[in-house]
Amino acid sequence: MVILLTFTLYVFGGDFEKGFIAYENGHYKKAVEYYQKAIKNEDAKALFFLGVMYGYGRGVSKNMHKMVQLYEQSASKGFSPAQFKMFLIYLTDNKGINRRNKQKAVMYLKLSAAQGFPRAVSMLAREYEDGLLLKRNLHKAAMLWKQLADNGDGEACCKVSGIYDKGKGVEQNKRIAKKYYSKAISFDAICAPIKD
């Protein structure tokens, strides 16, 4: 089945799909060729994955500045994983690139989270809880955790259970807390028990 799917993607897929298959099979130079073709058609995923290749030096010479340039182009085309990577790059001195810029980091985090990218949503929720990058807002944090929980994230179900149990950013509601606690348990997540 996997071979048939790979063959179908290769024959009927575009340059990005062909590049991805080449990459997965360790044919890095071929992957670079396909990604470069896809980039001519403004493919945001191809920009991102070519950036990954520059970051690791697979099929191309390792070049962190080129990696960031490609991530930024992909992010500007709305690819949420690239937006999240740009958040990380602007947040830290990532691999010697030194692009620290809190405002740009927050901008990219919000863009990625707005598209529902789970890592971005959870990071944004944490930022609203902690108040390190953003003004503390427990209600916004609660709504973001609820968004993740409603999309099947077991650990987020635990967070939402605790949020409603204690009334952090929302009105305390033991019924909702128990609902999310049960949901979390169904995902094998480990949560603090709800006290009556």
C-alpha atoms as a PDB file:
ATOM      1  CA  MET A   1       0.000   0.000   0.000  1.00  0.00           C
ATOM      2  CA  VAL A   2       2.796   2.445   0.926  1.00  0.00           C
ATOM      3  CA  ILE A   3       4.653   1.657  -2.308  1.00  0.00           C
ATOM      4  CA  LEU A   4       1.480   2.289  -4.335  1.00  0.00           C
ATOM      5  CA  LEU A   5       0.894   5.607  -2.556  1.00  0.00           C
ATOM      6  CA  THR A   6       4.517   6.672  -3.092  1.00  0.00           C
ATOM      7  CA  PHE A   7       4.327   5.691  -6.774  1.00  0.00           C
ATOM      8  CA  THR A   8       1.020   7.557  -7.213  1.00  0.00           C
ATOM      9  CA  LEU A   9       2.399  10.706  -5.553  1.00  0.00           C
ATOM     10  CA  TYR A  10       5.532  10.520  -7.676  1.00  0.00           C
ATOM     11  CA  VAL A  11       3.710  10.024 -10.976  1.00  0.00           C
ATOM     12  CA  PHE A  12       0.756  12.333 -10.377  1.00  0.00           C
ATOM     13  CA  GLY A  13       2.138  14.699  -7.747  1.00  0.00           C
ATOM     14  CA  GLY A  14       3.734  18.026  -8.353  1.00  0.00           C
ATOM     15  CA  ASP A  15       7.340  18.992  -7.874  1.00  0.00           C
ATOM     16  CA  PHE A  16       6.908  19.439  -4.118  1.00  0.00           C
ATOM     17  CA  GLU A  17       5.581  15.895  -3.702  1.00  0.00           C
ATOM     18  CA  LYS A  18       8.384  14.502  -5.856  1.00  0.00           C
ATOM     19  CA  GLY A  19      10.917  16.449  -3.795  1.00  0.00           C
ATOM     20  CA  PHE A  20       9.429  15.152  -0.557  1.00  0.00           C
ATOM     21  CA  ILE A  21       9.610  11.551  -1.767  1.00  0.00           C
ATOM     22  CA  ALA A  22      13.208  12.033  -2.919  1.00  0.00           C
ATOM     23  CA  TYR A  23      14.074  13.534   0.483  1.00  0.00           C
ATOM     24  CA  GLU A  24      12.410  10.686   2.389  1.00  0.00           C
ATOM     25  CA  ASN A  25      14.414   8.199   0.310  1.00  0.00           C
ATOM     26  CA  GLY A  26      17.706   9.982   1.013  1.00  0.00           C
ATOM     27  CA  HIS A  27      18.088  11.406  -2.520  1.00  0.00           C
ATOM     28  CA  TYR A  28      18.838  14.890  -1.265  1.00  0.00           C
ATOM     29  CA  LYS A  29      20.277  16.438  -4.432  1.00  0.00           C
ATOM     30  CA  LYS A  30      17.216  15.286  -6.376  1.00  0.00           C
ATOM     31  CA  ALA A  31      14.952  16.687  -3.638  1.00  0.00           C
ATOM     32  CA  VAL A  32      16.704  20.064  -3.962  1.00  0.00           C
ATOM     33  CA  GLU A  33      16.039  20.062  -7.727  1.00  0.00           C
ATOM     34  CA  TYR A  34      12.331  19.343  -7.252  1.00  0.00           C
ATOM     35  CA  TYR A  35      11.948  21.884  -4.444  1.00  0.00           C
ATOM     36  CA  GLN A  36      13.637  24.552  -6.571  1.00  0.00           C
ATOM     37  CA  LYS A  37      11.198  23.810  -9.402  1.00  0.00           C
ATOM     38  CA  ALA A  38       8.271  24.023  -6.978  1.00  0.00           C
ATOM     39  CA  ILE A  39       9.563  27.355  -5.641  1.00  0.00           C
ATOM     40  CA  LYS A  40       9.241  28.808  -9.149  1.00  0.00           C
ATOM     41  CA  ASN A  41       5.502  28.181  -8.706  1.00  0.00           C
ATOM     42  CA  GLU A  42       5.504  30.017  -5.338  1.00  0.00           C
ATOM     43  CA  ASP A  43       5.161  26.791  -3.299  1.00  0.00           C
ATOM     44  CA  ALA A  44       5.428  27.767   0.394  1.00  0.00           C
ATOM     45  CA  LYS A  45       6.000  24.170   1.529  1.00  0.00           C
ATOM     46  CA  ALA A  46       8.899  23.783  -0.904  1.00  0.00           C
ATOM     47  CA  LEU A  47      10.479  26.984   0.420  1.00  0.00           C
ATOM     48  CA  PHE A  48      10.207  25.633   3.949  1.00  0.00           C
ATOM     49  CA  PHE A  49      11.587  22.172   3.193  1.00  0.00           C
ATOM     50  CA  LEU A  50      14.442  23.586   1.134  1.00  0.00           C
ATOM     51  CA  GLY A  51      15.178  25.742   4.173  1.00  0.00           C
ATOM     52  CA  VAL A  52      15.308  22.592   6.294  1.00  0.00           C
ATOM     53  CA  MET A  53      17.804  21.122   3.844  1.00  0.00           C
ATOM     54  CA  TYR A  54      20.034  24.207   4.119  1.00  0.00           C
ATOM     55  CA  GLY A  55      19.762  23.991   7.897  1.00  0.00           C
ATOM     56  CA  TYR A  56      21.026  20.405   7.937  1.00  0.00           C
ATOM     57  CA  GLY A  57      23.290  20.606   4.897  1.00  0.00           C
ATOM     58  CA  ARG A  58      21.455  17.850   3.027  1.00  0.00           C
ATOM     59  CA  GLY A  59      21.934  18.042  -0.729  1.00  0.00           C
ATOM     60  CA  VAL A  60      23.325  21.578  -0.344  1.00  0.00           C
ATOM     61  CA  SER A  61      26.061  23.219   1.684  1.00  0.00           C
ATOM     62  CA  LYS A  62      24.882  24.016   5.203  1.00  0.00           C
ATOM     63  CA  ASN A  63      23.887  27.679   5.285  1.00  0.00           C
ATOM     64  CA  MET A  64      21.911  28.984   8.244  1.00  0.00           C
ATOM     65  CA  HIS A  65      21.312  32.400   6.706  1.00  0.00           C
ATOM     66  CA  LYS A  66      19.856  30.814   3.560  1.00  0.00           C
ATOM     67  CA  MET A  67      17.712  28.593   5.798  1.00  0.00           C
ATOM     68  CA  VAL A  68      16.261  31.644   7.567  1.00  0.00           C
ATOM     69  CA  GLN A  69      15.715  33.448   4.262  1.00  0.00           C
ATOM     70  CA  LEU A  70      13.722  30.492   2.905  1.00  0.00           C
ATOM     71  CA  TYR A  71      11.737  30.090   6.145  1.00  0.00           C
ATOM     72  CA  GLU A  72      10.869  33.782   6.056  1.00  0.00           C
ATOM     73  CA  GLN A  73       9.700  33.561   2.432  1.00  0.00           C
ATOM     74  CA  SER A  74       7.585  30.517   3.290  1.00  0.00           C
ATOM     75  CA  ALA A  75       6.164  32.264   6.359  1.00  0.00           C
ATOM     76  CA  SER A  76       5.243  35.320   4.287  1.00  0.00           C
ATOM     77  CA  LYS A  77       3.214  33.007   2.036  1.00  0.00           C
ATOM     78  CA  GLY A  78       1.256  31.799   5.073  1.00  0.00           C
ATOM     79  CA  PHE A  79       2.833  28.395   5.797  1.00  0.00           C
ATOM     80  CA  SER A  80       2.194  28.007   9.543  1.00  0.00           C
ATOM     81  CA  PRO A  81       5.157  25.687  10.350  1.00  0.00           C
ATOM     82  CA  ALA A  82       7.479  28.300   8.799  1.00  0.00           C
ATOM     83  CA  GLN A  83       5.784  31.034  10.795  1.00  0.00           C
ATOM     84  CA  PHE A  84       6.395  29.027  13.966  1.00  0.00           C
ATOM     85  CA  LYS A  85      10.059  28.515  13.020  1.00  0.00           C
ATOM     86  CA  MET A  86      10.406  32.264  12.486  1.00  0.00           C
ATOM     87  CA  PHE A  87       8.912  32.803  15.943  1.00  0.00           C
ATOM     88  CA  LEU A  88      11.634  30.561  17.400  1.00  0.00           C
ATOM     89  CA  ILE A  89      14.361  32.262  15.376  1.00  0.00           C
ATOM     90  CA  TYR A  90      13.295  35.754  16.432  1.00  0.00           C
ATOM     91  CA  LEU A  91      12.819  34.636  20.041  1.00  0.00           C
ATOM     92  CA  THR A  92      16.293  33.162  20.558  1.00  0.00           C
ATOM     93  CA  ASP A  93      19.820  33.406  19.278  1.00  0.00           C
ATOM     94  CA  ASN A  94      19.113  30.295  17.237  1.00  0.00           C
ATOM     95  CA  LYS A  95      22.278  28.637  15.958  1.00  0.00           C
ATOM     96  CA  GLY A  96      24.263  31.863  15.875  1.00  0.00           C
ATOM     97  CA  ILE A  97      21.837  33.673  13.571  1.00  0.00           C
ATOM     98  CA  ASN A  98      21.105  36.332  16.223  1.00  0.00           C
ATOM     99  CA  ARG A  99      17.880  37.828  14.962  1.00  0.00           C
ATOM    100  CA  ARG A 100      16.342  38.492  18.361  1.00  0.00           C
ATOM    101  CA  ASN A 101      13.281  40.671  17.971  1.00  0.00           C
ATOM    102  CA  LYS A 102      10.433  40.258  20.439  1.00  0.00           C
ATOM    103  CA  GLN A 103       7.838  42.075  18.310  1.00  0.00           C
ATOM    104  CA  LYS A 104       8.537  39.953  15.222  1.00  0.00           C
ATOM    105  CA  ALA A 105       8.607  36.791  17.328  1.00  0.00           C
ATOM    106  CA  VAL A 106       5.153  37.560  18.736  1.00  0.00           C
ATOM    107  CA  MET A 107       3.836  38.489  15.282  1.00  0.00           C
ATOM    108  CA  TYR A 108       4.919  35.143  13.800  1.00  0.00           C
ATOM    109  CA  LEU A 109       3.617  33.211  16.807  1.00  0.00           C
ATOM    110  CA  LYS A 110       0.186  34.823  16.469  1.00  0.00           C
ATOM    111  CA  LEU A 111       0.106  34.235  12.698  1.00  0.00           C
ATOM    112  CA  SER A 112       0.921  30.559  13.108  1.00  0.00           C
ATOM    113  CA  ALA A 113      -1.530  30.094  15.997  1.00  0.00           C
ATOM    114  CA  ALA A 114      -4.307  31.841  14.043  1.00  0.00           C
ATOM    115  CA  GLN A 115      -4.043  29.048  11.481  1.00  0.00           C
ATOM    116  CA  GLY A 116      -4.370  26.441  14.228  1.00  0.00           C
ATOM    117  CA  PHE A 117      -0.782  25.130  14.150  1.00  0.00           C
ATOM    118  CA  PRO A 118      -0.863  23.118  17.425  1.00  0.00           C
ATOM    119  CA  ARG A 119       2.650  23.966  18.655  1.00  0.00           C
ATOM    120  CA  ALA A 120       1.973  27.658  18.074  1.00  0.00           C
ATOM    121  CA  VAL A 121      -1.416  27.535  19.781  1.00  0.00           C
ATOM    122  CA  SER A 122       0.045  25.858  22.881  1.00  0.00           C
ATOM    123  CA  MET A 123       3.007  28.262  22.970  1.00  0.00           C
ATOM    124  CA  LEU A 124       0.697  31.265  22.636  1.00  0.00           C
ATOM    125  CA  ALA A 125      -1.484  29.893  25.455  1.00  0.00           C
ATOM    126  CA  ARG A 126       1.624  29.543  27.643  1.00  0.00           C
ATOM    127  CA  GLU A 127       2.705  33.079  26.792  1.00  0.00           C
ATOM    128  CA  TYR A 128      -0.694  34.437  27.846  1.00  0.00           C
ATOM    129  CA  GLU A 129      -0.466  32.415  31.068  1.00  0.00           C
ATOM    130  CA  ASP A 130       3.079  33.464  31.944  1.00  0.00           C
ATOM    131  CA  GLY A 131       3.039  37.043  30.705  1.00  0.00           C
ATOM    132  CA  LEU A 132       6.657  36.926  29.543  1.00  0.00           C
ATOM    133  CA  LEU A 133       6.248  38.044  25.920  1.00  0.00           C
ATOM    134  CA  LEU A 134       2.655  39.209  26.082  1.00  0.00           C
ATOM    135  CA  LYS A 135       0.511  40.882  28.660  1.00  0.00           C
ATOM    136  CA  ARG A 136      -0.858  38.175  30.932  1.00  0.00           C
ATOM    137  CA  ASN A 137      -4.391  37.211  29.911  1.00  0.00           C
ATOM    138  CA  LEU A 138      -5.743  34.058  31.545  1.00  0.00           C
ATOM    139  CA  HIS A 139      -8.998  34.183  29.587  1.00  0.00           C
ATOM    140  CA  LYS A 140      -7.176  34.138  26.228  1.00  0.00           C
ATOM    141  CA  ALA A 141      -4.930  31.355  27.521  1.00  0.00           C
ATOM    142  CA  ALA A 142      -7.970  29.331  28.567  1.00  0.00           C
ATOM    143  CA  MET A 143      -9.633  29.750  25.169  1.00  0.00           C
ATOM    144  CA  LEU A 144      -6.474  28.633  23.362  1.00  0.00           C
ATOM    145  CA  TRP A 145      -6.125  25.546  25.581  1.00  0.00           C
ATOM    146  CA  LYS A 146      -9.807  24.798  24.936  1.00  0.00           C
ATOM    147  CA  GLN A 147      -9.211  25.080  21.180  1.00  0.00           C
ATOM    148  CA  LEU A 148      -6.475  22.448  21.415  1.00  0.00           C
ATOM    149  CA  ALA A 149      -8.549  20.244  23.719  1.00  0.00           C
ATOM    150  CA  ASP A 150     -11.519  20.384  21.363  1.00  0.00           C
ATOM    151  CA  ASN A 151      -9.197  19.216  18.583  1.00  0.00           C
ATOM    152  CA  GLY A 152      -8.198  16.097  20.522  1.00  0.00           C
ATOM    153  CA  ASP A 153      -5.092  17.118  22.464  1.00  0.00           C
ATOM    154  CA  GLY A 154      -5.119  15.065  25.669  1.00  0.00           C
ATOM    155  CA  GLU A 155      -2.701  17.269  27.584  1.00  0.00           C
ATOM    156  CA  ALA A 156      -4.740  20.341  26.649  1.00  0.00           C
ATOM    157  CA  CYS A 157      -7.806  18.526  28.011  1.00  0.00           C
ATOM    158  CA  CYS A 158      -5.946  18.278  31.340  1.00  0.00           C
ATOM    159  CA  LYS A 159      -5.162  21.993  31.236  1.00  0.00           C
ATOM    160  CA  VAL A 160      -8.786  22.893  30.455  1.00  0.00           C
ATOM    161  CA  SER A 161      -9.993  20.588  33.228  1.00  0.00           C
ATOM    162  CA  GLY A 162      -7.753  22.400  35.711  1.00  0.00           C
ATOM    163  CA  ILE A 163      -8.682  25.818  34.347  1.00  0.00           C
ATOM    164  CA  TYR A 164     -12.412  25.200  34.850  1.00  0.00           C
ATOM    165  CA  ASP A 165     -11.833  23.409  38.159  1.00  0.00           C
ATOM    166  CA  LYS A 166     -10.036  26.447  39.608  1.00  0.00           C
ATOM    167  CA  GLY A 167     -11.750  29.166  37.561  1.00  0.00           C
ATOM    168  CA  LYS A 168      -8.516  30.524  36.055  1.00  0.00           C
ATOM    169  CA  GLY A 169      -9.524  32.986  33.311  1.00  0.00           C
ATOM    170  CA  VAL A 170     -13.027  31.526  33.128  1.00  0.00           C
ATOM    171  CA  GLU A 171     -15.927  31.140  35.515  1.00  0.00           C
ATOM    172  CA  GLN A 172     -15.373  28.097  37.718  1.00  0.00           C
ATOM    173  CA  ASN A 173     -17.451  25.182  36.432  1.00  0.00           C
ATOM    174  CA  LYS A 174     -16.968  21.704  37.926  1.00  0.00           C
ATOM    175  CA  ARG A 175     -19.220  20.072  35.296  1.00  0.00           C
ATOM    176  CA  ILE A 176     -17.038  21.332  32.430  1.00  0.00           C
ATOM    177  CA  ALA A 177     -13.901  20.473  34.421  1.00  0.00           C
ATOM    178  CA  LYS A 178     -15.103  16.868  34.825  1.00  0.00           C
ATOM    179  CA  LYS A 179     -16.052  16.653  31.129  1.00  0.00           C
ATOM    180  CA  TYR A 180     -12.515  17.616  30.046  1.00  0.00           C
ATOM    181  CA  TYR A 181     -10.989  15.429  32.747  1.00  0.00           C
ATOM    182  CA  SER A 182     -12.872  12.420  31.331  1.00  0.00           C
ATOM    183  CA  LYS A 183     -11.832  13.395  27.822  1.00  0.00           C
ATOM    184  CA  ALA A 184      -8.185  13.655  28.924  1.00  0.00           C
ATOM    185  CA  ILE A 185      -8.311  10.209  30.537  1.00  0.00           C
ATOM    186  CA  SER A 186      -9.710   8.781  27.288  1.00  0.00           C
ATOM    187  CA  PHE A 187      -6.515  10.075  25.591  1.00  0.00           C
ATOM    188  CA  ASP A 188      -4.371   8.433  28.309  1.00  0.00           C
ATOM    189  CA  ALA A 189      -3.287  11.849  29.570  1.00  0.00           C
ATOM    190  CA  ILE A 190      -2.315  12.117  33.209  1.00  0.00           C
ATOM    191  CA  CYS A 191      -4.196  14.868  35.053  1.00  0.00           C
ATOM    192  CA  ALA A 192      -4.627  16.049  38.605  1.00  0.00           C
ATOM    193  CA  PRO A 193      -7.970  14.730  39.859  1.00  0.00           C
ATOM    194  CA  ILE A 194     -10.968  17.050  40.187  1.00  0.00           C
ATOM    195  CA  LYS A 195     -12.036  17.658  43.786  1.00  0.00           C
ATOM    196  CA  ASP A 196     -15.730  18.015  44.534  1.00  0.00           C
END
